[in-house]
PDB file of all heavy atoms in Angstrom:
ATOM      1  N   VAL A   1    -105.971 -52.084 -37.723  1.00  0.00           N
ATOM      2  CA  VAL A   1    -107.399 -52.029 -37.398  1.00  0.00           C
ATOM      3  C   VAL A   1    -107.607 -52.319 -35.918  1.00  0.00           C
ATOM      4  O   VAL A   1    -108.395 -51.652 -35.230  1.00  0.00           O
ATOM      5  CB  VAL A   1    -108.195 -53.020 -38.261  1.00  0.00           C
ATOM      6  CG1 VAL A   1    -109.644 -53.095 -37.796  1.00  0.00           C
ATOM      7  CG2 VAL A   1    -108.139 -52.622 -39.730  1.00  0.00           C
ATOM      8  N   GLY A   2    -106.872 -53.316 -35.416  1.00  0.00           N
ATOM      9  CA  GLY A   2    -107.001 -53.662 -33.999  1.00  0.00           C
ATOM     10  C   GLY A   2    -106.598 -52.534 -33.077  1.00  0.00           C
ATOM     11  O   GLY A   2    -107.193 -52.341 -32.014  1.00  0.00           O
ATOM     12  N   ALA A   3    -105.562 -51.780 -33.458  1.00  0.00           N
ATOM     13  CA  ALA A   3    -105.153 -50.633 -32.644  1.00  0.00           C
ATOM     14  C   ALA A   3    -106.268 -49.611 -32.565  1.00  0.00           C
ATOM     15  O   ALA A   3    -106.534 -49.035 -31.493  1.00  0.00           O
ATOM     16  CB  ALA A   3    -103.889 -50.011 -33.218  1.00  0.00           C
ATOM     17  N   ALA A   4    -106.927 -49.375 -33.692  1.00  0.00           N
ATOM     18  CA  ALA A   4    -108.048 -48.435 -33.689  1.00  0.00           C
ATOM     19  C   ALA A   4    -109.198 -48.968 -32.851  1.00  0.00           C
ATOM     20  O   ALA A   4    -109.834 -48.213 -32.097  1.00  0.00           O
ATOM     21  CB  ALA A   4    -108.518 -48.182 -35.121  1.00  0.00           C
ATOM     22  N   VAL A   5    -109.468 -50.259 -32.961  1.00  0.00           N
ATOM     23  CA  VAL A   5    -110.534 -50.870 -32.157  1.00  0.00           C
ATOM     24  C   VAL A   5    -110.209 -50.781 -30.665  1.00  0.00           C
ATOM     25  O   VAL A   5    -111.061 -50.439 -29.843  1.00  0.00           O
ATOM     26  CB  VAL A   5    -110.736 -52.343 -32.568  1.00  0.00           C
ATOM     27  CG1 VAL A   5    -111.653 -53.060 -31.583  1.00  0.00           C
ATOM     28  CG2 VAL A   5    -111.311 -52.427 -33.978  1.00  0.00           C
ATOM     29  N   ALA A   6    -108.955 -51.075 -30.307  1.00  0.00           N
ATOM     30  CA  ALA A   6    -108.555 -51.023 -28.902  1.00  0.00           C
ATOM     31  C   ALA A   6    -108.642 -49.610 -28.354  1.00  0.00           C
ATOM     32  O   ALA A   6    -109.071 -49.396 -27.207  1.00  0.00           O
ATOM     33  CB  ALA A   6    -107.131 -51.551 -28.750  1.00  0.00           C
ATOM     34  N   ALA A   7    -108.216 -48.631 -29.161  1.00  0.00           N
ATOM     35  CA  ALA A   7    -108.305 -47.242 -28.711  1.00  0.00           C
ATOM     36  C   ALA A   7    -109.756 -46.838 -28.496  1.00  0.00           C
ATOM     37  O   ALA A   7    -110.095 -46.161 -27.519  1.00  0.00           O
ATOM     38  CB  ALA A   7    -107.639 -46.318 -29.735  1.00  0.00           C
ATOM     39  N   GLY A   8    -110.636 -47.257 -29.413  1.00  0.00           N
ATOM     40  CA  GLY A   8    -112.056 -46.973 -29.222  1.00  0.00           C
ATOM     41  C   GLY A   8    -112.614 -47.660 -28.003  1.00  0.00           C
ATOM     42  O   GLY A   8    -113.440 -47.102 -27.267  1.00  0.00           O
ATOM     43  N   SER A   9    -112.155 -48.886 -27.733  1.00  0.00           N
ATOM     44  CA  SER A   9    -112.585 -49.625 -26.545  1.00  0.00           C
ATOM     45  C   SER A   9    -112.190 -48.900 -25.268  1.00  0.00           C
ATOM     46  O   SER A   9    -112.987 -48.734 -24.344  1.00  0.00           O
ATOM     47  CB  SER A   9    -111.964 -51.022 -26.575  1.00  0.00           C
ATOM     48  OG  SER A   9    -112.200 -51.718 -25.381  1.00  0.00           O
ATOM     49  N   ALA A  10    -110.912 -48.458 -25.220  1.00  0.00           N
ATOM     50  CA  ALA A  10    -110.451 -47.726 -24.036  1.00  0.00           C
ATOM     51  C   ALA A  10    -111.226 -46.434 -23.851  1.00  0.00           C
ATOM     52  O   ALA A  10    -111.633 -46.081 -22.738  1.00  0.00           O
ATOM     53  CB  ALA A  10    -108.956 -47.443 -24.161  1.00  0.00           C
ATOM     54  N   LEU A  11    -111.430 -45.720 -24.933  1.00  0.00           N
ATOM     55  CA  LEU A  11    -112.159 -44.456 -24.868  1.00  0.00           C
ATOM     56  C   LEU A  11    -113.571 -44.667 -24.356  1.00  0.00           C
ATOM     57  O   LEU A  11    -114.085 -43.899 -23.524  1.00  0.00           O
ATOM     58  CB  LEU A  11    -112.181 -43.820 -26.250  1.00  0.00           C
ATOM     59  CG  LEU A  11    -112.793 -42.428 -26.386  1.00  0.00           C
ATOM     60  CD1 LEU A  11    -112.031 -41.427 -25.541  1.00  0.00           C
ATOM     61  CD2 LEU A  11    -112.784 -41.996 -27.845  1.00  0.00           C
ATOM     62  N   LEU A  12    -114.197 -45.729 -24.817  1.00  0.00           N
ATOM     63  CA  LEU A  12    -115.557 -46.053 -24.406  1.00  0.00           C
ATOM     64  C   LEU A  12    -115.676 -46.198 -22.896  1.00  0.00           C
ATOM     65  O   LEU A  12    -116.574 -45.646 -22.257  1.00  0.00           O
ATOM     66  CB  LEU A  12    -115.989 -47.351 -25.099  1.00  0.00           C
ATOM     67  CG  LEU A  12    -117.443 -47.793 -25.008  1.00  0.00           C
ATOM     68  CD1 LEU A  12    -118.328 -46.880 -25.827  1.00  0.00           C
ATOM     69  CD2 LEU A  12    -117.573 -49.232 -25.512  1.00  0.00           C
ATOM     70  N   SER A  13    -114.732 -46.945 -22.301  1.00  0.00           N
ATOM     71  CA  SER A  13    -114.793 -47.221 -20.868  1.00  0.00           C
ATOM     72  C   SER A  13    -114.275 -46.071 -20.019  1.00  0.00           C
ATOM     73  O   SER A  13    -114.842 -45.757 -18.970  1.00  0.00           O
ATOM     74  CB  SER A  13    -113.999 -48.489 -20.554  1.00  0.00           C
ATOM     75  OG  SER A  13    -114.610 -49.609 -21.126  1.00  0.00           O
ATOM     76  N   VAL A  14    -113.182 -45.440 -20.469  1.00  0.00           N
ATOM     77  CA  VAL A  14    -112.564 -44.392 -19.662  1.00  0.00           C
ATOM     78  C   VAL A  14    -113.501 -43.208 -19.465  1.00  0.00           C
ATOM     79  O   VAL A  14    -113.612 -42.660 -18.355  1.00  0.00           O
ATOM     80  CB  VAL A  14    -111.238 -43.948 -20.301  1.00  0.00           C
ATOM     81  CG1 VAL A  14    -110.747 -42.650 -19.686  1.00  0.00           C
ATOM     82  CG2 VAL A  14    -110.188 -45.032 -20.132  1.00  0.00           C
ATOM     83  N   LEU A  15    -114.204 -42.801 -20.512  1.00  0.00           N
ATOM     84  CA  LEU A  15    -115.080 -41.646 -20.376  1.00  0.00           C
ATOM     85  C   LEU A  15    -116.248 -41.921 -19.433  1.00  0.00           C
ATOM     86  O   LEU A  15    -116.742 -40.997 -18.767  1.00  0.00           O
ATOM     87  CB  LEU A  15    -115.592 -41.205 -21.753  1.00  0.00           C
ATOM     88  CG  LEU A  15    -114.572 -40.469 -22.622  1.00  0.00           C
ATOM     89  CD1 LEU A  15    -115.179 -40.096 -23.969  1.00  0.00           C
ATOM     90  CD2 LEU A  15    -114.051 -39.222 -21.916  1.00  0.00           C
ATOM     91  N   VAL A  16    -116.701 -43.172 -19.352  1.00  0.00           N
ATOM     92  CA  VAL A  16    -117.730 -43.499 -18.363  1.00  0.00           C
ATOM     93  C   VAL A  16    -117.185 -43.326 -16.954  1.00  0.00           C
ATOM     94  O   VAL A  16    -117.841 -42.773 -16.070  1.00  0.00           O
ATOM     95  CB  VAL A  16    -118.260 -44.930 -18.565  1.00  0.00           C
ATOM     96  CG1 VAL A  16    -119.224 -45.306 -17.442  1.00  0.00           C
ATOM     97  CG2 VAL A  16    -118.972 -45.049 -19.901  1.00  0.00           C
ATOM     98  N   GLY A  17    -115.957 -43.810 -16.712  1.00  0.00           N
ATOM     99  CA  GLY A  17    -115.352 -43.646 -15.394  1.00  0.00           C
ATOM    100  C   GLY A  17    -115.178 -42.190 -15.016  1.00  0.00           C
ATOM    101  O   GLY A  17    -115.384 -41.801 -13.865  1.00  0.00           O
ATOM    102  N   VAL A  18    -114.800 -41.356 -15.973  1.00  0.00           N
ATOM    103  CA  VAL A  18    -114.650 -39.921 -15.718  1.00  0.00           C
ATOM    104  C   VAL A  18    -115.982 -39.318 -15.284  1.00  0.00           C
ATOM    105  O   VAL A  18    -116.061 -38.562 -14.309  1.00  0.00           O
ATOM    106  CB  VAL A  18    -114.116 -39.210 -16.976  1.00  0.00           C
ATOM    107  CG1 VAL A  18    -114.235 -37.694 -16.837  1.00  0.00           C
ATOM    108  CG2 VAL A  18    -112.665 -39.594 -17.228  1.00  0.00           C
ATOM    109  N   SER A  19    -117.054 -39.654 -15.991  1.00  0.00           N
ATOM    110  CA  SER A  19    -118.353 -39.052 -15.673  1.00  0.00           C
ATOM    111  C   SER A  19    -118.856 -39.497 -14.307  1.00  0.00           C
ATOM    112  O   SER A  19    -119.479 -38.714 -13.585  1.00  0.00           O
ATOM    113  CB  SER A  19    -119.381 -39.391 -16.755  1.00  0.00           C
ATOM    114  OG  SER A  19    -119.722 -40.764 -16.729  1.00  0.00           O
ATOM    115  N   ARG A  20    -118.568 -40.756 -13.916  1.00  0.00           N
ATOM    116  CA  ARG A  20    -119.047 -41.241 -12.603  1.00  0.00           C
ATOM    117  C   ARG A  20    -118.295 -40.581 -11.459  1.00  0.00           C
ATOM    118  O   ARG A  20    -118.869 -40.301 -10.403  1.00  0.00           O
ATOM    119  CB  ARG A  20    -118.908 -42.758 -12.516  1.00  0.00           C
ATOM    120  CG  ARG A  20    -120.018 -43.613 -13.129  1.00  0.00           C
ATOM    121  CD  ARG A  20    -120.865 -42.917 -14.126  1.00  0.00           C
ATOM    122  NE  ARG A  20    -121.863 -43.790 -14.743  1.00  0.00           N
ATOM    123  CZ  ARG A  20    -122.303 -43.645 -15.970  1.00  0.00           C
ATOM    124  NH1 ARG A  20    -121.822 -42.685 -16.732  1.00  0.00           N
ATOM    125  NH2 ARG A  20    -123.227 -44.448 -16.449  1.00  0.00           N
ATOM    126  N   THR A  21    -116.998 -40.332 -11.632  1.00  0.00           N
ATOM    127  CA  THR A  21    -116.256 -39.611 -10.597  1.00  0.00           C
ATOM    128  C   THR A  21    -116.708 -38.152 -10.534  1.00  0.00           C
ATOM    129  O   THR A  21    -116.871 -37.580  -9.445  1.00  0.00           O
ATOM    130  CB  THR A  21    -114.748 -39.695 -10.867  1.00  0.00           C
ATOM    131  OG1 THR A  21    -114.331 -41.059 -10.816  1.00  0.00           O
ATOM    132  CG2 THR A  21    -113.964 -38.899  -9.830  1.00  0.00           C
ATOM    133  N   ALA A  22    -116.936 -37.538 -11.680  1.00  0.00           N
ATOM    134  CA  ALA A  22    -117.455 -36.164 -11.703  1.00  0.00           C
ATOM    135  C   ALA A  22    -118.820 -36.104 -11.038  1.00  0.00           C
ATOM    136  O   ALA A  22    -119.137 -35.140 -10.314  1.00  0.00           O
ATOM    137  CB  ALA A  22    -117.544 -35.663 -13.143  1.00  0.00           C
ATOM    138  N   LEU A  23    -119.641 -37.127 -11.245  1.00  0.00           N
ATOM    139  CA  LEU A  23    -120.947 -37.208 -10.594  1.00  0.00           C
ATOM    140  C   LEU A  23    -120.805 -37.200  -9.085  1.00  0.00           C
ATOM    141  O   LEU A  23    -121.501 -36.447  -8.379  1.00  0.00           O
ATOM    142  CB  LEU A  23    -121.665 -38.481 -11.055  1.00  0.00           C
ATOM    143  CG  LEU A  23    -122.923 -38.907 -10.286  1.00  0.00           C
ATOM    144  CD1 LEU A  23    -124.037 -37.899 -10.488  1.00  0.00           C
ATOM    145  CD2 LEU A  23    -123.368 -40.301 -10.732  1.00  0.00           C
ATOM    146  N   ALA A  24    -119.898 -38.041  -8.562  1.00  0.00           N
ATOM    147  CA  ALA A  24    -119.707 -38.106  -7.116  1.00  0.00           C
ATOM    148  C   ALA A  24    -119.200 -36.783  -6.554  1.00  0.00           C
ATOM    149  O   ALA A  24    -119.637 -36.341  -5.483  1.00  0.00           O
ATOM    150  CB  ALA A  24    -118.728 -39.237  -6.774  1.00  0.00           C
ATOM    151  N   MET A  25    -118.282 -36.123  -7.241  1.00  0.00           N
ATOM    152  CA  MET A  25    -117.759 -34.845  -6.761  1.00  0.00           C
ATOM    153  C   MET A  25    -118.815 -33.755  -6.830  1.00  0.00           C
ATOM    154  O   MET A  25    -118.888 -32.887  -5.950  1.00  0.00           O
ATOM    155  CB  MET A  25    -116.517 -34.463  -7.565  1.00  0.00           C
ATOM    156  CG  MET A  25    -115.347 -35.420  -7.388  1.00  0.00           C
ATOM    157  SD  MET A  25    -113.858 -34.942  -8.305  1.00  0.00           S
ATOM    158  CE  MET A  25    -113.296 -33.527  -7.340  1.00  0.00           C
ATOM    159  N   ALA A  26    -119.642 -33.779  -7.869  1.00  0.00           N
ATOM    160  CA  ALA A  26    -120.707 -32.781  -7.986  1.00  0.00           C
ATOM    161  C   ALA A  26    -121.753 -32.953  -6.892  1.00  0.00           C
ATOM    162  O   ALA A  26    -122.317 -31.974  -6.387  1.00  0.00           O
ATOM    163  CB  ALA A  26    -121.370 -32.886  -9.359  1.00  0.00           C
ATOM    164  N   ARG A  27    -122.028 -34.185  -6.499  1.00  0.00           N
ATOM    165  CA  ARG A  27    -122.986 -34.426  -5.422  1.00  0.00           C
ATOM    166  C   ARG A  27    -122.517 -33.813  -4.112  1.00  0.00           C
ATOM    167  O   ARG A  27    -123.329 -33.508  -3.244  1.00  0.00           O
ATOM    168  CB  ARG A  27    -123.196 -35.928  -5.241  1.00  0.00           C
ATOM    169  CG  ARG A  27    -124.072 -36.576  -6.315  1.00  0.00           C
ATOM    170  CD  ARG A  27    -124.095 -38.080  -6.153  1.00  0.00           C
ATOM    171  NE  ARG A  27    -125.075 -38.702  -7.043  1.00  0.00           N
ATOM    172  CZ  ARG A  27    -125.198 -40.014  -7.214  1.00  0.00           C
ATOM    173  NH1 ARG A  27    -124.382 -40.843  -6.574  1.00  0.00           N
ATOM    174  NH2 ARG A  27    -126.119 -40.494  -8.019  1.00  0.00           N
ATOM    175  N   ARG A  28    -121.206 -33.648  -3.955  1.00  0.00           N
ATOM    176  CA  ARG A  28    -120.646 -33.064  -2.732  1.00  0.00           C
ATOM    177  C   ARG A  28    -120.210 -31.619  -2.948  1.00  0.00           C
ATOM    178  O   ARG A  28    -119.414 -31.089  -2.180  1.00  0.00           O
ATOM    179  CB  ARG A  28    -119.484 -33.926  -2.243  1.00  0.00           C
ATOM    180  CG  ARG A  28    -119.934 -35.302  -1.730  1.00  0.00           C
ATOM    181  CD  ARG A  28    -118.742 -36.224  -1.501  1.00  0.00           C
ATOM    182  NE  ARG A  28    -119.146 -37.447  -0.839  1.00  0.00           N
ATOM    183  CZ  ARG A  28    -119.656 -38.509  -1.450  1.00  0.00           C
ATOM    184  NH1 ARG A  28    -119.837 -38.482  -2.765  1.00  0.00           N
ATOM    185  NH2 ARG A  28    -119.991 -39.593  -0.779  1.00  0.00           N
ATOM    186  N   THR A  29    -120.688 -31.008  -4.018  1.00  0.00           N
ATOM    187  CA  THR A  29    -120.478 -29.597  -4.360  1.00  0.00           C
ATOM    188  C   THR A  29    -119.033 -29.239  -4.660  1.00  0.00           C
ATOM    189  O   THR A  29    -118.675 -28.058  -4.677  1.00  0.00           O
ATOM    190  CB  THR A  29    -121.006 -28.656  -3.249  1.00  0.00           C
ATOM    191  OG1 THR A  29    -120.130 -28.700  -2.115  1.00  0.00           O
ATOM    192  CG2 THR A  29    -122.424 -29.010  -2.845  1.00  0.00           C
ATOM    193  N   GLU A  30    -118.164 -30.212  -4.920  1.00  0.00           N
ATOM    194  CA  GLU A  30    -116.783 -29.898  -5.259  1.00  0.00           C
ATOM    195  C   GLU A  30    -116.587 -29.747  -6.769  1.00  0.00           C
ATOM    196  O   GLU A  30    -115.502 -29.407  -7.216  1.00  0.00           O
ATOM    197  CB  GLU A  30    -115.848 -30.951  -4.675  1.00  0.00           C
ATOM    198  CG  GLU A  30    -115.833 -30.880  -3.157  1.00  0.00           C
ATOM    199  CD  GLU A  30    -114.853 -31.847  -2.522  1.00  0.00           C
ATOM    200  OE1 GLU A  30    -114.559 -32.893  -3.126  1.00  0.00           O
ATOM    201  OE2 GLU A  30    -114.389 -31.542  -1.411  1.00  0.00           O
ATOM    202  N   LEU A  31    -117.633 -30.016  -7.514  1.00  0.00           N
ATOM    203  CA  LEU A  31    -117.753 -29.650  -8.918  1.00  0.00           C
ATOM    204  C   LEU A  31    -119.147 -29.048  -9.089  1.00  0.00           C
ATOM    205  O   LEU A  31    -120.017 -29.235  -8.220  1.00  0.00           O
ATOM    206  CB  LEU A  31    -117.573 -30.877  -9.825  1.00  0.00           C
ATOM    207  CG  LEU A  31    -116.139 -31.414  -9.991  1.00  0.00           C
ATOM    208  CD1 LEU A  31    -116.144 -32.662 -10.884  1.00  0.00           C
ATOM    209  CD2 LEU A  31    -115.193 -30.362 -10.558  1.00  0.00           C
ATOM    210  N   PRO A  32    -119.403 -28.321 -10.168  1.00  0.00           N
ATOM    211  CA  PRO A  32    -120.724 -27.711 -10.339  1.00  0.00           C
ATOM    212  C   PRO A  32    -121.852 -28.724 -10.207  1.00  0.00           C
ATOM    213  O   PRO A  32    -121.786 -29.837 -10.749  1.00  0.00           O
ATOM    214  CB  PRO A  32    -120.642 -27.134 -11.757  1.00  0.00           C
ATOM    215  CG  PRO A  32    -119.198 -26.832 -11.948  1.00  0.00           C
ATOM    216  CD  PRO A  32    -118.471 -27.932 -11.234  1.00  0.00           C
ATOM    217  N   GLY A  33    -122.910 -28.337  -9.488  1.00  0.00           N
ATOM    218  CA  GLY A  33    -124.026 -29.240  -9.226  1.00  0.00           C
ATOM    219  C   GLY A  33    -124.731 -29.736 -10.474  1.00  0.00           C
ATOM    220  O   GLY A  33    -125.368 -30.796 -10.447  1.00  0.00           O
ATOM    221  N   ALA A  34    -124.619 -29.009 -11.575  1.00  0.00           N
ATOM    222  CA  ALA A  34    -125.269 -29.444 -12.814  1.00  0.00           C
ATOM    223  C   ALA A  34    -124.751 -30.787 -13.287  1.00  0.00           C
ATOM    224  O   ALA A  34    -125.460 -31.538 -13.969  1.00  0.00           O
ATOM    225  CB  ALA A  34    -125.048 -28.395 -13.905  1.00  0.00           C
TER     226      ALA A  34
END
């Protein structure tokens, strides 16, 4: 159960970090502006 909880915990945080980096790159037009 703990392994599943830990995996969900990592997924929760990692995807936020991905979106914030994509946000910064999109602001500089190196990813789609949308």
